Amino acid sequence: MTPYYETELGKLYHGDCLEIMPMLEPVDLVLTDPPYGINYQASNPSVKKGLGLTPIKIKNDSTLINLRPILNMDCEVISFGANCYPEQLPHRGRWICWDKRVIESADRMLGSPFELAWRNIDHGFDTMIRIMHGGVVNSDRGKRYHPTQKPIALMVRILSGICKKAELVLDPFIGSGTVAIACQILNRRWIGIEIEEKYCEIAAKRIEMERSQLKLW
């Protein structure tokens, strides 16, 4: 199986994750932001302008896909948007709440003030992560490549603060490559899968840009 793109730490595959995953080596962590089945379309003008697309749709998001093969994996799993598909969760787990406003005065910003990610652990506590992000306040310095793009800082915080021991990280819905970039920053091995080739190309370019910046440092 030939990767679409690879670095010294990771490999990006183009295709359906459910077809590719059985051929992969075991991983320590799945960290992903799958389609939620909500037919999402970006409404924020800054997102549309940044991506140059109107309307912006996500492949396989018109109806809920079966995420159980991923949610039931033996390794640690963190899946964003799981409050949109609770019937697929195997158990209560624990939750990460990403506070996107941080301060009360920012609550009036456009969009949801928080997002949830489900963890497949059955012990410990729920977790709060506060990173301001939304509208003109964008933690990736305003650069948007995907309609539901998560900030790099968020994935770095999860990997460095919650999943410290995960040596090989899989994102089966890697989109514009944010999880892979976070892994490159933290010197973690990674595998990414993306069904849309245009985002494979964007992810490869973003990862390569980050690698160039890291070499400068």
Protein backbone atom coordinates (compact mmCIF):
# COMPACT_ATOMS: atom_id res chain seq x y z
CA MET A 1 0.00 0.00 0.00
CA THR A 2 1.65 3.18 -1.21
CA PRO A 3 1.23 6.35 0.83
CA TYR A 4 0.00 9.53 -0.83
CA TYR A 5 2.66 11.40 1.15
CA GLU A 6 5.10 10.52 3.91
CA THR A 7 7.69 12.01 6.24
CA GLU A 8 10.27 10.53 8.57
CA LEU A 9 7.50 10.30 11.21
CA GLY A 10 4.31 9.54 9.34
CA LYS A 11 2.32 8.39 6.35
CA LEU A 12 -0.77 9.84 4.68
CA TYR A 13 -3.08 7.55 2.72
CA HIS A 14 -5.79 8.56 0.25
CA GLY A 15 -8.93 6.45 0.42
CA ASP A 16 -11.72 5.07 2.61
CA CYS A 17 -10.42 4.60 6.15
CA LEU A 18 -12.53 1.48 6.76
CA GLU A 19 -10.81 -0.19 3.80
CA ILE A 20 -7.30 0.98 4.67
CA MET A 21 -7.29 0.49 8.46
CA PRO A 22 -7.22 -3.35 8.42
CA MET A 23 -3.91 -3.16 6.53
CA LEU A 24 -2.22 -0.88 9.06
CA GLU A 25 0.06 -1.74 11.96
CA PRO A 26 -1.41 -1.46 15.49
CA VAL A 27 -1.60 2.10 16.83
CA ASP A 28 -1.56 3.52 20.36
CA LEU A 29 -4.16 6.24 19.85
CA VAL A 30 -6.91 7.27 17.46
CA LEU A 31 -7.36 11.04 17.57
CA THR A 32 -9.92 12.19 15.03
CA ASP A 33 -12.70 14.56 14.03
CA PRO A 34 -15.05 12.46 11.85
CA PRO A 35 -18.07 13.62 9.84
CA TYR A 36 -20.96 14.09 12.28
CA GLY A 37 -23.80 13.31 9.87
CA ILE A 38 -25.24 16.82 10.21
CA ASN A 39 -24.80 17.99 6.57
CA TYR A 40 -22.53 20.77 7.78
CA GLN A 41 -22.02 23.84 5.60
CA ALA A 42 -19.76 26.71 6.62
CA SER A 43 -21.71 29.90 7.18
CA ASN A 44 -18.95 32.14 8.51
CA PRO A 45 -17.88 34.53 5.70
CA SER A 46 -14.23 34.35 6.79
CA VAL A 47 -14.26 30.57 6.40
CA LYS A 48 -15.76 30.76 2.92
CA LYS A 49 -13.28 33.43 1.87
CA GLY A 50 -10.32 31.49 3.25
CA LEU A 51 -11.28 28.27 1.50
CA GLY A 52 -12.51 29.90 -1.69
CA LEU A 53 -15.53 27.59 -1.80
CA THR A 54 -19.26 28.36 -1.63
CA PRO A 55 -21.03 26.36 -0.37
CA ILE A 56 -18.56 24.21 1.57
CA LYS A 57 -19.63 20.62 2.16
CA ILE A 58 -17.90 17.68 3.79
CA LYS A 59 -17.89 14.31 2.06
CA ASN A 60 -20.05 11.64 3.77
CA ASP A 61 -21.60 14.19 6.13
CA SER A 62 -25.13 14.18 4.68
CA THR A 63 -26.00 11.05 6.68
CA LEU A 64 -24.34 9.51 9.71
CA ILE A 65 -21.75 6.89 8.79
CA ASN A 66 -20.99 3.84 10.89
CA LEU A 67 -18.16 4.88 13.20
CA ARG A 68 -18.38 1.83 15.48
CA PRO A 69 -15.35 0.05 13.94
CA ILE A 70 -13.28 3.06 15.06
CA LEU A 71 -15.00 3.81 18.38
CA ASN A 72 -14.61 0.16 19.45
CA MET A 73 -10.90 -0.18 18.67
CA ASP A 74 -8.68 -1.73 21.36
CA CYS A 75 -6.37 1.28 21.58
CA GLU A 76 -7.19 4.64 23.16
CA VAL A 77 -9.74 6.61 21.10
CA ILE A 78 -10.58 10.32 21.18
CA SER A 79 -13.34 11.32 18.78
CA PHE A 80 -14.67 14.85 18.39
CA GLY A 81 -18.36 15.58 17.88
CA ALA A 82 -19.49 12.38 19.60
CA ASN A 83 -22.45 14.24 21.14
CA CYS A 84 -23.86 14.15 17.58
CA TYR A 85 -23.70 10.32 17.43
CA PRO A 86 -24.23 9.16 21.05
CA GLU A 87 -26.07 6.01 19.96
CA GLN A 88 -22.81 4.68 18.50
CA LEU A 89 -20.73 5.12 21.65
CA PRO A 90 -19.96 1.78 23.33
CA HIS A 91 -20.09 3.25 26.85
CA ARG A 92 -20.17 6.50 28.82
CA GLY A 93 -16.42 7.04 28.54
CA ARG A 94 -14.98 10.40 29.52
CA TRP A 95 -15.27 13.74 27.76
CA ILE A 96 -12.94 16.52 26.70
CA CYS A 97 -14.64 19.90 26.58
CA TRP A 98 -12.88 22.41 24.37
CA ASP A 99 -13.82 25.90 25.58
CA LYS A 100 -13.46 28.09 22.47
CA ARG A 101 -14.24 31.39 24.18
CA VAL A 102 -12.08 31.23 27.35
CA ILE A 103 -13.44 34.54 28.71
CA GLU A 104 -17.09 35.50 29.22
CA SER A 105 -16.86 38.63 27.09
CA ALA A 106 -16.07 36.42 24.06
CA ASP A 107 -19.26 34.37 24.37
CA ARG A 108 -20.95 36.62 21.80
CA MET A 109 -18.58 35.45 19.07
CA LEU A 110 -20.22 33.66 16.15
CA GLY A 111 -20.53 29.89 16.42
CA SER A 112 -20.63 27.31 19.18
CA PRO A 113 -18.72 28.35 22.32
CA PHE A 114 -17.46 24.82 22.98
CA GLU A 115 -17.00 21.40 21.39
CA LEU A 116 -16.91 17.92 22.90
CA ALA A 117 -14.68 14.94 22.26
CA TRP A 118 -15.36 11.44 23.64
CA ARG A 119 -12.62 9.28 25.17
CA ASN A 120 -13.01 5.49 25.39
CA ILE A 121 -11.71 5.26 28.96
CA ASP A 122 -13.86 4.19 31.92
CA HIS A 123 -11.96 5.89 34.75
CA GLY A 124 -10.75 9.29 35.81
CA PHE A 125 -12.43 12.61 35.15
CA ASP A 126 -13.69 14.68 32.26
CA THR A 127 -11.22 17.29 30.98
CA MET A 128 -11.41 20.98 30.04
CA ILE A 129 -9.13 22.59 27.47
CA ARG A 130 -9.34 26.35 26.91
CA ILE A 131 -8.08 27.71 23.58
CA MET A 132 -9.77 30.76 22.07
CA HIS A 133 -10.81 30.09 18.50
CA GLY A 134 -13.58 31.36 16.26
CA GLY A 135 -14.55 34.15 13.91
CA VAL A 136 -11.70 36.62 13.46
CA VAL A 137 -9.94 35.19 16.55
CA ASN A 138 -8.29 32.11 15.09
CA SER A 139 -5.58 30.25 16.98
CA ASP A 140 -4.02 29.19 13.65
CA ARG A 141 -3.49 32.87 12.77
CA GLY A 142 -6.56 33.03 10.55
CA LYS A 143 -5.53 30.28 8.15
CA ARG A 144 -8.46 28.01 7.30
CA TYR A 145 -8.07 25.05 4.91
CA HIS A 146 -11.05 22.92 5.97
CA PRO A 147 -14.57 23.93 7.09
CA THR A 148 -14.28 22.11 10.44
CA GLN A 149 -10.55 22.55 10.93
CA LYS A 150 -9.38 22.21 14.53
CA PRO A 151 -6.48 24.38 15.74
CA ILE A 152 -3.02 22.87 15.89
CA ALA A 153 -2.68 24.08 19.48
CA LEU A 154 -5.69 21.98 20.51
CA MET A 155 -4.22 18.75 19.14
CA VAL A 156 -0.81 19.55 20.64
CA ARG A 157 -2.46 20.09 24.02
CA ILE A 158 -4.30 16.76 23.83
CA LEU A 159 -1.22 14.82 22.77
CA SER A 160 1.17 16.44 25.22
CA GLY A 161 -1.19 16.73 28.19
CA ILE A 162 -3.64 13.82 27.94
CA CYS A 163 -2.00 11.20 25.70
CA LYS A 164 1.63 11.50 26.71
CA LYS A 165 2.46 7.83 26.13
CA ALA A 166 0.94 7.44 22.63
CA GLU A 167 3.86 6.76 20.29
CA LEU A 168 1.86 6.05 17.10
CA VAL A 169 -1.25 8.16 16.41
CA LEU A 170 -3.92 7.46 13.79
CA ASP A 171 -6.36 9.99 12.34
CA PRO A 172 -8.73 8.18 9.92
CA PHE A 173 -10.37 11.49 8.89
CA ILE A 174 -7.30 13.70 8.75
CA GLY A 175 -8.79 16.50 6.63
CA SER A 176 -6.24 19.30 6.32
CA GLY A 177 -3.65 17.44 8.42
CA THR A 178 -3.88 19.11 11.84
CA VAL A 179 -3.25 15.93 13.88
CA ALA A 180 -0.24 15.06 11.72
CA ILE A 181 1.20 18.56 12.18
CA ALA A 182 0.78 18.27 15.97
CA CYS A 183 2.60 14.93 15.84
CA GLN A 184 5.43 16.43 13.80
CA ILE A 185 5.81 19.21 16.37
CA LEU A 186 5.94 16.69 19.23
CA ASN A 187 8.11 14.17 17.35
CA ARG A 188 5.39 11.47 17.42
CA ARG A 189 4.76 8.88 14.73
CA TRP A 190 1.48 9.26 12.88
CA ILE A 191 -0.79 7.75 10.22
CA GLY A 192 -3.43 9.78 8.42
CA ILE A 193 -6.23 8.74 6.06
CA GLU A 194 -8.36 11.08 3.95
CA ILE A 195 -11.04 10.19 1.41
CA GLU A 196 -10.94 13.49 -0.52
CA GLU A 197 -7.82 13.96 -2.60
CA LYS A 198 -8.00 17.76 -2.47
CA TYR A 199 -7.53 17.60 1.30
CA CYS A 200 -4.71 15.05 0.93
CA GLU A 201 -2.92 17.66 -1.15
CA ILE A 202 -3.66 20.43 1.35
CA ALA A 203 -2.55 18.24 4.27
CA ALA A 204 0.70 17.31 2.53
CA LYS A 205 1.50 20.96 1.84
CA ARG A 206 0.68 22.03 5.41
CA ILE A 207 2.78 19.25 6.94
CA GLU A 208 5.69 20.05 4.65
CA MET A 209 5.45 23.72 5.59
CA GLU A 210 5.56 22.81 9.29
CA ARG A 211 8.56 20.53 8.74
CA SER A 212 10.40 23.39 7.03
CA GLN A 213 9.71 25.70 9.96
CA LEU A 214 10.84 23.06 12.47
CA LYS A 215 14.11 22.61 10.57
CA LEU A 216 14.73 26.36 10.84
CA TRP A 217 14.43 26.12 14.61
